[in-house]
Amino acid sequence: QVQLVESGGGLVQAGGSLRLSCAVSGTIFSINTMVMGWYRQVPGKQRELVAVIIGGGRTNYADSVKGRFTISRDNAKRTVYLQMDSLKPEDTGVYYCNEARGVWGQGTQVTVSS
């Protein structure tokens, strides 16, 4: 059983940066073999994929965050990160960590003020 716990959200002004962390625990061999993603949800809208990192280290991003967000992982710390730079008010939402087999964290709120 895998558990995910997000942290690092908060309130930031437009143009600022935040780094989200997703701590992975449970019976796993290595997070380097896992498909891990960050999703964002705003009220009234479906949860959308923001960034994903797959077993070979390849990454993919939503068009809206390309060039501003970076997903990475540290297997020794069993943690997946989302570095968010040049934040915009439209980046506001609850950010969830996801493991591809359907495991979700509890979410962390990100609010970007204009």
PDB file of N, CA and C in Angstrom:
ATOM      1  N   GLN A   1       0.841  -1.187   0.000  1.00  0.00           N
ATOM      2  CA  GLN A   1       0.000   0.000   0.000  1.00  0.00           C
ATOM      3  C   GLN A   1       0.878   1.240   0.000  1.00  0.00           C
ATOM      4  N   VAL A   2       0.586   2.147  -0.935  1.00  0.00           N
ATOM      5  CA  VAL A   2       1.352   3.385  -1.071  1.00  0.00           C
ATOM      6  C   VAL A   2       0.547   4.536  -0.481  1.00  0.00           C
ATOM      7  N   GLN A   3       1.221   5.394   0.248  1.00  0.00           N
ATOM      8  CA  GLN A   3       0.589   6.609   0.771  1.00  0.00           C
ATOM      9  C   GLN A   3       1.364   7.824   0.264  1.00  0.00           C
ATOM     10  N   LEU A   4       0.620   8.887  -0.007  1.00  0.00           N
ATOM     11  CA  LEU A   4       1.211  10.126  -0.519  1.00  0.00           C
ATOM     12  C   LEU A   4       0.791  11.280   0.380  1.00  0.00           C
ATOM     13  N   VAL A   5       1.758  12.127   0.739  1.00  0.00           N
ATOM     14  CA  VAL A   5       1.465  13.298   1.561  1.00  0.00           C
ATOM     15  C   VAL A   5       2.113  14.515   0.921  1.00  0.00           C
ATOM     16  N   GLU A   6       1.280  15.485   0.522  1.00  0.00           N
ATOM     17  CA  GLU A   6       1.776  16.700  -0.107  1.00  0.00           C
ATOM     18  C   GLU A   6       2.051  17.777   0.952  1.00  0.00           C
ATOM     19  N   SER A   7       2.972  18.660   0.603  1.00  0.00           N
ATOM     20  CA  SER A   7       3.249  19.835   1.430  1.00  0.00           C
ATOM     21  C   SER A   7       3.848  20.913   0.543  1.00  0.00           C
ATOM     22  N   GLY A   8       3.914  22.126   1.099  1.00  0.00           N
ATOM     23  CA  GLY A   8       4.583  23.202   0.390  1.00  0.00           C
ATOM     24  C   GLY A   8       3.677  24.238  -0.232  1.00  0.00           C
ATOM     25  N   GLY A   9       2.378  24.033  -0.148  1.00  0.00           N
ATOM     26  CA  GLY A   9       1.468  25.028  -0.704  1.00  0.00           C
ATOM     27  C   GLY A   9       1.451  26.301   0.136  1.00  0.00           C
ATOM     28  N   GLY A  10       0.776  27.309  -0.375  1.00  0.00           N
ATOM     29  CA  GLY A  10       0.684  28.556   0.362  1.00  0.00           C
ATOM     30  C   GLY A  10       0.203  29.687  -0.505  1.00  0.00           C
ATOM     31  N   LEU A  11       0.361  30.901   0.010  1.00  0.00           N
ATOM     32  CA  LEU A  11      -0.041  32.118  -0.692  1.00  0.00           C
ATOM     33  C   LEU A  11       1.208  32.810  -1.213  1.00  0.00           C
ATOM     34  N   VAL A  12       1.181  33.159  -2.488  1.00  0.00           N
ATOM     35  CA  VAL A  12       2.332  33.807  -3.105  1.00  0.00           C
ATOM     36  C   VAL A  12       1.830  34.844  -4.100  1.00  0.00           C
ATOM     37  N   GLN A  13       2.610  35.881  -4.297  1.00  0.00           N
ATOM     38  CA  GLN A  13       2.245  36.895  -5.288  1.00  0.00           C
ATOM     39  C   GLN A  13       2.575  36.413  -6.696  1.00  0.00           C
ATOM     40  N   ALA A  14       1.868  36.941  -7.655  1.00  0.00           N
ATOM     41  CA  ALA A  14       2.148  36.626  -9.052  1.00  0.00           C
ATOM     42  C   ALA A  14       3.619  36.920  -9.359  1.00  0.00           C
ATOM     43  N   GLY A  15       4.230  35.988 -10.108  1.00  0.00           N
ATOM     44  CA  GLY A  15       5.647  36.101 -10.408  1.00  0.00           C
ATOM     45  C   GLY A  15       6.541  35.367  -9.437  1.00  0.00           C
ATOM     46  N   GLY A  16       5.976  34.946  -8.317  1.00  0.00           N
ATOM     47  CA  GLY A  16       6.748  34.253  -7.303  1.00  0.00           C
ATOM     48  C   GLY A  16       6.894  32.772  -7.582  1.00  0.00           C
ATOM     49  N   SER A  17       7.479  32.070  -6.607  1.00  0.00           N
ATOM     50  CA  SER A  17       7.763  30.648  -6.751  1.00  0.00           C
ATOM     51  C   SER A  17       7.320  29.878  -5.515  1.00  0.00           C
ATOM     52  N   LEU A  18       6.999  28.624  -5.739  1.00  0.00           N
ATOM     53  CA  LEU A  18       6.732  27.675  -4.660  1.00  0.00           C
ATOM     54  C   LEU A  18       7.283  26.324  -5.077  1.00  0.00           C
ATOM     55  N   ARG A  19       7.648  25.523  -4.093  1.00  0.00           N
ATOM     56  CA  ARG A  19       8.029  24.146  -4.383  1.00  0.00           C
ATOM     57  C   ARG A  19       7.140  23.214  -3.569  1.00  0.00           C
ATOM     58  N   LEU A  20       6.408  22.382  -4.271  1.00  0.00           N
ATOM     59  CA  LEU A  20       5.569  21.384  -3.619  1.00  0.00           C
ATOM     60  C   LEU A  20       6.353  20.085  -3.471  1.00  0.00           C
ATOM     61  N   SER A  21       6.075  19.391  -2.385  1.00  0.00           N
ATOM     62  CA  SER A  21       6.698  18.098  -2.129  1.00  0.00           C
ATOM     63  C   SER A  21       5.628  17.038  -1.942  1.00  0.00           C
ATOM     64  N   CYS A  22       5.932  15.840  -2.396  1.00  0.00           N
ATOM     65  CA  CYS A  22       5.034  14.695  -2.210  1.00  0.00           C
ATOM     66  C   CYS A  22       5.864  13.563  -1.619  1.00  0.00           C
ATOM     67  N   ALA A  23       5.651  13.298  -0.342  1.00  0.00           N
ATOM     68  CA  ALA A  23       6.373  12.228   0.332  1.00  0.00           C
ATOM     69  C   ALA A  23       5.667  10.907   0.078  1.00  0.00           C
ATOM     70  N   VAL A  24       6.424   9.933  -0.395  1.00  0.00           N
ATOM     71  CA  VAL A  24       5.877   8.621  -0.752  1.00  0.00           C
ATOM     72  C   VAL A  24       6.292   7.604   0.309  1.00  0.00           C
ATOM     73  N   SER A  25       5.321   6.903   0.849  1.00  0.00           N
ATOM     74  CA  SER A  25       5.619   5.878   1.840  1.00  0.00           C
ATOM     75  C   SER A  25       4.861   4.610   1.499  1.00  0.00           C
ATOM     76  N   GLY A  26       5.246   3.530   2.180  1.00  0.00           N
ATOM     77  CA  GLY A  26       4.595   2.256   1.940  1.00  0.00           C
ATOM     78  C   GLY A  26       5.567   1.240   1.379  1.00  0.00           C
ATOM     79  N   THR A  27       5.021   0.153   0.925  1.00  0.00           N
ATOM     80  CA  THR A  27       5.834  -0.951   0.438  1.00  0.00           C
ATOM     81  C   THR A  27       6.174  -0.713  -1.027  1.00  0.00           C
ATOM     82  N   ILE A  28       7.275  -0.030  -1.253  1.00  0.00           N
ATOM     83  CA  ILE A  28       7.741   0.241  -2.610  1.00  0.00           C
ATOM     84  C   ILE A  28       9.222  -0.037  -2.682  1.00  0.00           C
ATOM     85  N   PHE A  29       9.673  -0.390  -3.875  1.00  0.00           N
ATOM     86  CA  PHE A  29      11.090  -0.652  -4.073  1.00  0.00           C
ATOM     87  C   PHE A  29      11.836   0.624  -4.395  1.00  0.00           C
ATOM     88  N   SER A  30      11.279   1.383  -5.319  1.00  0.00           N
ATOM     89  CA  SER A  30      11.942   2.607  -5.764  1.00  0.00           C
ATOM     90  C   SER A  30      10.908   3.504  -6.420  1.00  0.00           C
ATOM     91  N   ILE A  31      10.948   4.799  -6.100  1.00  0.00           N
ATOM     92  CA  ILE A  31      10.015   5.701  -6.771  1.00  0.00           C
ATOM     93  C   ILE A  31      10.466   5.968  -8.204  1.00  0.00           C
ATOM     94  N   ASN A  32      11.701   5.592  -8.527  1.00  0.00           N
ATOM     95  CA  ASN A  32      12.194   5.808  -9.883  1.00  0.00           C
ATOM     96  C   ASN A  32      11.469   4.938 -10.905  1.00  0.00           C
ATOM     97  N   THR A  33      10.796   3.906 -10.456  1.00  0.00           N
ATOM     98  CA  THR A  33      10.056   3.033 -11.373  1.00  0.00           C
ATOM     99  C   THR A  33       8.566   3.369 -11.416  1.00  0.00           C
ATOM    100  N   MET A  34       8.175   4.364 -10.655  1.00  0.00           N
ATOM    101  CA  MET A  34       6.760   4.704 -10.548  1.00  0.00           C
ATOM    102  C   MET A  34       6.411   5.867 -11.473  1.00  0.00           C
ATOM    103  N   VAL A  35       5.182   5.872 -11.943  1.00  0.00           N
ATOM    104  CA  VAL A  35       4.665   7.000 -12.713  1.00  0.00           C
ATOM    105  C   VAL A  35       3.976   7.927 -11.719  1.00  0.00           C
ATOM    106  N   MET A  36       4.533   9.105 -11.565  1.00  0.00           N
ATOM    107  CA  MET A  36       4.027  10.052 -10.562  1.00  0.00           C
ATOM    108  C   MET A  36       3.612  11.343 -11.248  1.00  0.00           C
ATOM    109  N   GLY A  37       2.507  11.889 -10.772  1.00  0.00           N
ATOM    110  CA  GLY A  37       2.012  13.108 -11.389  1.00  0.00           C
ATOM    111  C   GLY A  37       1.532  14.118 -10.372  1.00  0.00           C
ATOM    112  N   TRP A  38       1.458  15.351 -10.811  1.00  0.00           N
ATOM    113  CA  TRP A  38       0.817  16.427 -10.052  1.00  0.00           C
ATOM    114  C   TRP A  38      -0.405  16.886 -10.832  1.00  0.00           C
ATOM    115  N   TYR A  39      -1.507  17.004 -10.112  1.00  0.00           N
ATOM    116  CA  TYR A  39      -2.764  17.469 -10.685  1.00  0.00           C
ATOM    117  C   TYR A  39      -3.204  18.726  -9.956  1.00  0.00           C
ATOM    118  N   ARG A  40      -4.042  19.486 -10.617  1.00  0.00           N
ATOM    119  CA  ARG A  40      -4.569  20.720 -10.031  1.00  0.00           C
ATOM    120  C   ARG A  40      -6.090  20.717 -10.192  1.00  0.00           C
ATOM    121  N   GLN A  41      -6.764  21.187  -9.156  1.00  0.00           N
ATOM    122  CA  GLN A  41      -8.233  21.283  -9.224  1.00  0.00           C
ATOM    123  C   GLN A  41      -8.680  22.624  -8.670  1.00  0.00           C
ATOM    124  N   VAL A  42      -9.595  23.264  -9.403  1.00  0.00           N
ATOM    125  CA  VAL A  42     -10.235  24.493  -8.934  1.00  0.00           C
ATOM    126  C   VAL A  42     -11.721  24.211  -8.801  1.00  0.00           C
ATOM    127  N   PRO A  43     -12.420  24.953  -7.944  1.00  0.00           N
ATOM    128  CA  PRO A  43     -13.851  24.698  -7.738  1.00  0.00           C
ATOM    129  C   PRO A  43     -14.632  24.749  -9.042  1.00  0.00           C
ATOM    130  N   GLY A  44     -15.482  23.757  -9.237  1.00  0.00           N
ATOM    131  CA  GLY A  44     -16.333  23.727 -10.412  1.00  0.00           C
ATOM    132  C   GLY A  44     -15.696  23.147 -11.648  1.00  0.00           C
ATOM    133  N   LYS A  45     -14.434  22.744 -11.544  1.00  0.00           N
ATOM    134  CA  LYS A  45     -13.742  22.179 -12.703  1.00  0.00           C
ATOM    135  C   LYS A  45     -13.174  20.814 -12.363  1.00  0.00           C
ATOM    136  N   GLN A  46     -12.926  20.049 -13.411  1.00  0.00           N
ATOM    137  CA  GLN A  46     -12.324  18.738 -13.212  1.00  0.00           C
ATOM    138  C   GLN A  46     -10.852  18.876 -12.844  1.00  0.00           C
ATOM    139  N   ARG A  47     -10.380  17.878 -12.143  1.00  0.00           N
ATOM    140  CA  ARG A  47      -8.959  17.832 -11.822  1.00  0.00           C
ATOM    141  C   ARG A  47      -8.177  17.675 -13.116  1.00  0.00           C
ATOM    142  N   GLU A  48      -7.121  18.479 -13.289  1.00  0.00           N
ATOM    143  CA  GLU A  48      -6.353  18.429 -14.528  1.00  0.00           C
ATOM    144  C   GLU A  48      -4.901  18.069 -14.241  1.00  0.00           C
ATOM    145  N   LEU A  49      -4.302  17.351 -15.187  1.00  0.00           N
ATOM    146  CA  LEU A  49      -2.910  16.973 -15.054  1.00  0.00           C
ATOM    147  C   LEU A  49      -2.019  18.180 -15.315  1.00  0.00           C
ATOM    148  N   VAL A  50      -1.086  18.416 -14.410  1.00  0.00           N
ATOM    149  CA  VAL A  50      -0.151  19.521 -14.546  1.00  0.00           C
ATOM    150  C   VAL A  50       1.202  19.020 -15.041  1.00  0.00           C
ATOM    151  N   ALA A  51       1.689  17.942 -14.423  1.00  0.00           N
ATOM    152  CA  ALA A  51       3.006  17.414 -14.791  1.00  0.00           C
ATOM    153  C   ALA A  51       3.073  15.945 -14.410  1.00  0.00           C
ATOM    154  N   VAL A  52       3.875  15.185 -15.153  1.00  0.00           N
ATOM    155  CA  VAL A  52       4.043  13.766 -14.862  1.00  0.00           C
ATOM    156  C   VAL A  52       5.497  13.384 -15.104  1.00  0.00           C
ATOM    157  N   ILE A  53       5.969  12.438 -14.308  1.00  0.00           N
ATOM    158  CA  ILE A  53       7.312  11.884 -14.499  1.00  0.00           C
ATOM    159  C   ILE A  53       7.177  10.376 -14.517  1.00  0.00           C
ATOM    160  N   ILE A  54       7.798   9.736 -15.524  1.00  0.00           N
ATOM    161  CA  ILE A  54       7.629   8.309 -15.675  1.00  0.00           C
ATOM    162  C   ILE A  54       8.913   7.578 -15.301  1.00  0.00           C
ATOM    163  N   GLY A  55       8.865   6.257 -15.428  1.00  0.00           N
ATOM    164  CA  GLY A  55       9.958   5.438 -14.925  1.00  0.00           C
ATOM    165  C   GLY A  55      11.324   5.777 -15.489  1.00  0.00           C
ATOM    166  N   GLY A  56      11.397   6.140 -16.738  1.00  0.00           N
ATOM    167  CA  GLY A  56      12.696   6.451 -17.329  1.00  0.00           C
ATOM    168  C   GLY A  56      13.166   7.862 -17.055  1.00  0.00           C
ATOM    169  N   GLY A  57      12.391   8.606 -16.311  1.00  0.00           N
ATOM    170  CA  GLY A  57      12.755   9.986 -16.007  1.00  0.00           C
ATOM    171  C   GLY A  57      12.187  11.001 -16.968  1.00  0.00           C
ATOM    172  N   ARG A  58      11.498  10.505 -17.985  1.00  0.00           N
ATOM    173  CA  ARG A  58      10.865  11.446 -18.910  1.00  0.00           C
ATOM    174  C   ARG A  58       9.760  12.207 -18.205  1.00  0.00           C
ATOM    175  N   THR A  59       9.574  13.460 -18.649  1.00  0.00           N
ATOM    176  CA  THR A  59       8.560  14.318 -18.044  1.00  0.00           C
ATOM    177  C   THR A  59       7.645  14.875 -19.116  1.00  0.00           C
ATOM    178  N   ASN A  60       6.459  15.247 -18.681  1.00  0.00           N
ATOM    179  CA  ASN A  60       5.515  15.875 -19.586  1.00  0.00           C
ATOM    180  C   ASN A  60       4.719  16.903 -18.798  1.00  0.00           C
ATOM    181  N   TYR A  61       4.329  17.988 -19.467  1.00  0.00           N
ATOM    182  CA  TYR A  61       3.667  19.090 -18.778  1.00  0.00           C
ATOM    183  C   TYR A  61       2.445  19.552 -19.557  1.00  0.00           C
ATOM    184  N   ALA A  62       1.493  20.079 -18.808  1.00  0.00           N
ATOM    185  CA  ALA A  62       0.381  20.770 -19.450  1.00  0.00           C
ATOM    186  C   ALA A  62       0.938  21.997 -20.171  1.00  0.00           C
ATOM    187  N   ASP A  63       0.315  22.344 -21.288  1.00  0.00           N
ATOM    188  CA  ASP A  63       0.797  23.496 -22.055  1.00  0.00           C
ATOM    189  C   ASP A  63       0.830  24.769 -21.215  1.00  0.00           C
ATOM    190  N   SER A  64      -0.117  24.884 -20.303  1.00  0.00           N
ATOM    191  CA  SER A  64      -0.234  26.108 -19.509  1.00  0.00           C
ATOM    192  C   SER A  64       0.929  26.317 -18.543  1.00  0.00           C
ATOM    193  N   VAL A  65       1.700  25.261 -18.258  1.00  0.00           N
ATOM    194  CA  VAL A  65       2.785  25.395 -17.275  1.00  0.00           C
ATOM    195  C   VAL A  65       4.165  25.128 -17.870  1.00  0.00           C
ATOM    196  N   LYS A  66       4.219  24.765 -19.147  1.00  0.00           N
ATOM    197  CA  LYS A  66       5.512  24.467 -19.777  1.00  0.00           C
ATOM    198  C   LYS A  66       6.444  25.661 -19.673  1.00  0.00           C
ATOM    199  N   GLY A  67       7.675  25.387 -19.290  1.00  0.00           N
ATOM    200  CA  GLY A  67       8.661  26.443 -19.142  1.00  0.00           C
ATOM    201  C   GLY A  67       8.639  27.134 -17.797  1.00  0.00           C
ATOM    202  N   ARG A  68       7.616  26.863 -16.987  1.00  0.00           N
ATOM    203  CA  ARG A  68       7.508  27.498 -15.668  1.00  0.00           C
ATOM    204  C   ARG A  68       7.574  26.486 -14.533  1.00  0.00           C
ATOM    205  N   PHE A  69       7.061  25.285 -14.750  1.00  0.00           N
ATOM    206  CA  PHE A  69       7.022  24.252 -13.719  1.00  0.00           C
ATOM    207  C   PHE A  69       8.010  23.150 -14.070  1.00  0.00           C
ATOM    208  N   THR A  70       8.570  22.533 -13.022  1.00  0.00           N
ATOM    209  CA  THR A  70       9.486  21.410 -13.211  1.00  0.00           C
ATOM    210  C   THR A  70       9.162  20.319 -12.203  1.00  0.00           C
ATOM    211  N   ILE A  71       8.920  19.119 -12.708  1.00  0.00           N
ATOM    212  CA  ILE A  71       8.690  17.971 -11.835  1.00  0.00           C
ATOM    213  C   ILE A  71       9.985  17.189 -11.712  1.00  0.00           C
ATOM    214  N   SER A  72      10.280  16.728 -10.514  1.00  0.00           N
ATOM    215  CA  SER A  72      11.501  15.960 -10.287  1.00  0.00           C
ATOM    216  C   SER A  72      11.269  14.996  -9.131  1.00  0.00           C
ATOM    217  N   ARG A  73      12.244  14.134  -8.885  1.00  0.00           N
ATOM    218  CA  ARG A  73      12.093  13.180  -7.782  1.00  0.00           C
ATOM    219  C   ARG A  73      13.451  12.898  -7.159  1.00  0.00           C
ATOM    220  N   ASP A  74      13.430  12.507  -5.908  1.00  0.00           N
ATOM    221  CA  ASP A  74      14.619  12.111  -5.159  1.00  0.00           C
ATOM    222  C   ASP A  74      14.305  10.767  -4.540  1.00  0.00           C
ATOM    223  N   ASN A  75      14.880   9.713  -5.112  1.00  0.00           N
ATOM    224  CA  ASN A  75      14.551   8.375  -4.638  1.00  0.00           C
ATOM    225  C   ASN A  75      15.034   8.141  -3.217  1.00  0.00           C
ATOM    226  N   ALA A  76      16.171   8.697  -2.855  1.00  0.00           N
ATOM    227  CA  ALA A  76      16.695   8.515  -1.501  1.00  0.00           C
ATOM    228  C   ALA A  76      15.745   9.097  -0.468  1.00  0.00           C
ATOM    229  N   LYS A  77      15.102  10.190  -0.813  1.00  0.00           N
ATOM    230  CA  LYS A  77      14.146  10.828   0.100  1.00  0.00           C
ATOM    231  C   LYS A  77      12.718  10.361  -0.163  1.00  0.00           C
ATOM    232  N   ARG A  78      12.550   9.543  -1.189  1.00  0.00           N
ATOM    233  CA  ARG A  78      11.211   9.074  -1.554  1.00  0.00           C
ATOM    234  C   ARG A  78      10.240  10.253  -1.689  1.00  0.00           C
ATOM    235  N   THR A  79      10.677  11.232  -2.420  1.00  0.00           N
ATOM    236  CA  THR A  79       9.895  12.458  -2.553  1.00  0.00           C
ATOM    237  C   THR A  79       9.862  12.907  -4.009  1.00  0.00           C
ATOM    238  N   VAL A  80       8.692  13.344  -4.436  1.00  0.00           N
ATOM    239  CA  VAL A  80       8.496  13.927  -5.753  1.00  0.00           C
ATOM    240  C   VAL A  80       8.215  15.416  -5.556  1.00  0.00           C
ATOM    241  N   TYR A  81       8.826  16.229  -6.389  1.00  0.00           N
ATOM    242  CA  TYR A  81       8.706  17.681  -6.236  1.00  0.00           C
ATOM    243  C   TYR A  81       8.017  18.306  -7.451  1.00  0.00           C
ATOM    244  N   LEU A  82       7.430  19.459  -7.210  1.00  0.00           N
ATOM    245  CA  LEU A  82       6.947  20.304  -8.302  1.00  0.00           C
ATOM    246  C   LEU A  82       7.442  21.713  -8.018  1.00  0.00           C
ATOM    247  N   GLN A  83       8.453  22.132  -8.765  1.00  0.00           N
ATOM    248  CA  GLN A  83       8.961  23.491  -8.660  1.00  0.00           C
ATOM    249  C   GLN A  83       8.126  24.381  -9.561  1.00  0.00           C
ATOM    250  N   MET A  84       7.522  25.396  -8.976  1.00  0.00           N
ATOM    251  CA  MET A  84       6.628  26.275  -9.721  1.00  0.00           C
ATOM    252  C   MET A  84       7.203  27.685  -9.699  1.00  0.00           C
ATOM    253  N   ASP A  85       7.578  28.178 -10.849  1.00  0.00           N
ATOM    254  CA  ASP A  85       8.145  29.517 -10.999  1.00  0.00           C
ATOM    255  C   ASP A  85       7.232  30.390 -11.846  1.00  0.00           C
ATOM    256  N   SER A  86       7.458  31.684 -11.768  1.00  0.00           N
ATOM    257  CA  SER A  86       6.658  32.644 -12.546  1.00  0.00           C
ATOM    258  C   SER A  86       5.172  32.355 -12.391  1.00  0.00           C
ATOM    259  N   LEU A  87       4.755  32.190 -11.161  1.00  0.00           N
ATOM    260  CA  LEU A  87       3.369  31.814 -10.896  1.00  0.00           C
ATOM    261  C   LEU A  87       2.399  32.896 -11.343  1.00  0.00           C
ATOM    262  N   LYS A  88       1.236  32.442 -11.799  1.00  0.00           N
ATOM    263  CA  LYS A  88       0.170  33.314 -12.266  1.00  0.00           C
ATOM    264  C   LYS A  88      -1.080  33.072 -11.427  1.00  0.00           C
ATOM    265  N   PRO A  89      -1.979  34.050 -11.354  1.00  0.00           N
ATOM    266  CA  PRO A  89      -3.216  33.835 -10.592  1.00  0.00           C
ATOM    267  C   PRO A  89      -3.995  32.599 -11.067  1.00  0.00           C
ATOM    268  N   GLU A  90      -3.913  32.287 -12.347  1.00  0.00           N
ATOM    269  CA  GLU A  90      -4.635  31.117 -12.852  1.00  0.00           C
ATOM    270  C   GLU A  90      -4.002  29.787 -12.432  1.00  0.00           C
ATOM    271  N   ASP A  91      -2.862  29.839 -11.769  1.00  0.00           N
ATOM    272  CA  ASP A  91      -2.274  28.617 -11.204  1.00  0.00           C
ATOM    273  C   ASP A  91      -2.906  28.259  -9.854  1.00  0.00           C
ATOM    274  N   THR A  92      -3.745  29.126  -9.349  1.00  0.00           N
ATOM    275  CA  THR A  92      -4.410  28.878  -8.069  1.00  0.00           C
ATOM    276  C   THR A  92      -5.243  27.611  -8.121  1.00  0.00           C
ATOM    277  N   GLY A  93      -5.157  26.820  -7.056  1.00  0.00           N
ATOM    278  CA  GLY A  93      -5.955  25.606  -6.961  1.00  0.00           C
ATOM    279  C   GLY A  93      -5.402  24.688  -5.892  1.00  0.00           C
ATOM    280  N   VAL A  94      -6.050  23.561  -5.750  1.00  0.00           N
ATOM    281  CA  VAL A  94      -5.544  22.520  -4.861  1.00  0.00           C
ATOM    282  C   VAL A  94      -4.717  21.563  -5.712  1.00  0.00           C
ATOM    283  N   TYR A  95      -3.504  21.347  -5.289  1.00  0.00           N
ATOM    284  CA  TYR A  95      -2.581  20.489  -6.029  1.00  0.00           C
ATOM    285  C   TYR A  95      -2.500  19.120  -5.351  1.00  0.00           C
ATOM    286  N   TYR A  96      -2.685  18.096  -6.163  1.00  0.00           N
ATOM    287  CA  TYR A  96      -2.684  16.726  -5.669  1.00  0.00           C
ATOM    288  C   TYR A  96      -1.543  15.935  -6.295  1.00  0.00           C
ATOM    289  N   CYS A  97      -0.922  15.132  -5.486  1.00  0.00           N
ATOM    290  CA  CYS A  97       0.074  14.175  -5.960  1.00  0.00           C
ATOM    291  C   CYS A  97      -0.650  12.870  -6.301  1.00  0.00           C
ATOM    292  N   ASN A  98      -0.195  12.217  -7.334  1.00  0.00           N
ATOM    293  CA  ASN A  98      -0.852  10.994  -7.791  1.00  0.00           C
ATOM    294  C   ASN A  98       0.170   9.952  -8.196  1.00  0.00           C
ATOM    295  N   GLU A  99      -0.139   8.707  -7.823  1.00  0.00           N
ATOM    296  CA  GLU A  99       0.612   7.569  -8.322  1.00  0.00           C
ATOM    297  C   GLU A  99      -0.304   6.848  -9.291  1.00  0.00           C
ATOM    298  N   ALA A 100       0.227   6.443 -10.439  1.00  0.00           N
ATOM    299  CA  ALA A 100      -0.592   6.075 -11.585  1.00  0.00           C
ATOM    300  C   ALA A 100      -1.578   4.940 -11.341  1.00  0.00           C
ATOM    301  N   ARG A 101      -1.350   4.143 -10.299  1.00  0.00           N
ATOM    302  CA  ARG A 101      -2.297   3.052 -10.041  1.00  0.00           C
ATOM    303  C   ARG A 101      -3.515   3.528  -9.272  1.00  0.00           C
ATOM    304  N   GLY A 102      -3.601   4.838  -9.036  1.00  0.00           N
ATOM    305  CA  GLY A 102      -4.818   5.375  -8.450  1.00  0.00           C
ATOM    306  C   GLY A 102      -4.702   5.873  -7.037  1.00  0.00           C
ATOM    307  N   VAL A 103      -3.497   6.088  -6.571  1.00  0.00           N
ATOM    308  CA  VAL A 103      -3.301   6.593  -5.222  1.00  0.00           C
ATOM    309  C   VAL A 103      -3.196   8.117  -5.264  1.00  0.00           C
ATOM    310  N   TRP A 104      -3.888   8.771  -4.342  1.00  0.00           N
ATOM    311  CA  TRP A 104      -3.899  10.236  -4.274  1.00  0.00           C
ATOM    312  C   TRP A 104      -3.492  10.705  -2.888  1.00  0.00           C
ATOM    313  N   GLY A 105      -2.858  11.876  -2.866  1.00  0.00           N
ATOM    314  CA  GLY A 105      -2.636  12.532  -1.599  1.00  0.00           C
ATOM    315  C   GLY A 105      -3.842  13.351  -1.212  1.00  0.00           C
ATOM    316  N   GLN A 106      -3.713  14.074  -0.097  1.00  0.00           N
ATOM    317  CA  GLN A 106      -4.845  14.849   0.413  1.00  0.00           C
ATOM    318  C   GLN A 106      -4.952  16.218  -0.230  1.00  0.00           C
ATOM    319  N   GLY A 107      -3.914  16.646  -0.924  1.00  0.00           N
ATOM    320  CA  GLY A 107      -3.920  17.933  -1.608  1.00  0.00           C
ATOM    321  C   GLY A 107      -3.307  19.040  -0.777  1.00  0.00           C
ATOM    322  N   THR A 108      -2.783  20.036  -1.470  1.00  0.00           N
ATOM    323  CA  THR A 108      -2.232  21.216  -0.815  1.00  0.00           C
ATOM    324  C   THR A 108      -2.662  22.446  -1.606  1.00  0.00           C
ATOM    325  N   GLN A 109      -3.116  23.468  -0.885  1.00  0.00           N
ATOM    326  CA  GLN A 109      -3.672  24.656  -1.533  1.00  0.00           C
ATOM    327  C   GLN A 109      -2.567  25.592  -1.984  1.00  0.00           C
ATOM    328  N   VAL A 110      -2.675  26.038  -3.224  1.00  0.00           N
ATOM    329  CA  VAL A 110      -1.791  27.076  -3.765  1.00  0.00           C
ATOM    330  C   VAL A 110      -2.661  28.254  -4.181  1.00  0.00           C
ATOM    331  N   THR A 111      -2.339  29.416  -3.668  1.00  0.00           N
ATOM    332  CA  THR A 111      -3.082  30.629  -4.013  1.00  0.00           C
ATOM    333  C   THR A 111      -2.091  31.671  -4.513  1.00  0.00           C
ATOM    334  N   VAL A 112      -2.338  32.158  -5.727  1.00  0.00           N
ATOM    335  CA  VAL A 112      -1.470  33.160  -6.333  1.00  0.00           C
ATOM    336  C   VAL A 112      -2.269  34.454  -6.452  1.00  0.00           C
ATOM    337  N   SER A 113      -1.802  35.473  -5.777  1.00  0.00           N
ATOM    338  CA  SER A 113      -2.503  36.758  -5.802  1.00  0.00           C
ATOM    339  C   SER A 113      -1.932  37.648  -6.908  1.00  0.00           C
ATOM    340  N   SER A 114      -2.812  38.473  -7.458  1.00  0.00           N
ATOM    341  CA  SER A 114      -2.392  39.357  -8.565  1.00  0.00           C
ATOM    342  C   SER A 114      -1.878  40.684  -8.036  1.00  0.00           C
TER     343      SER A 114
END
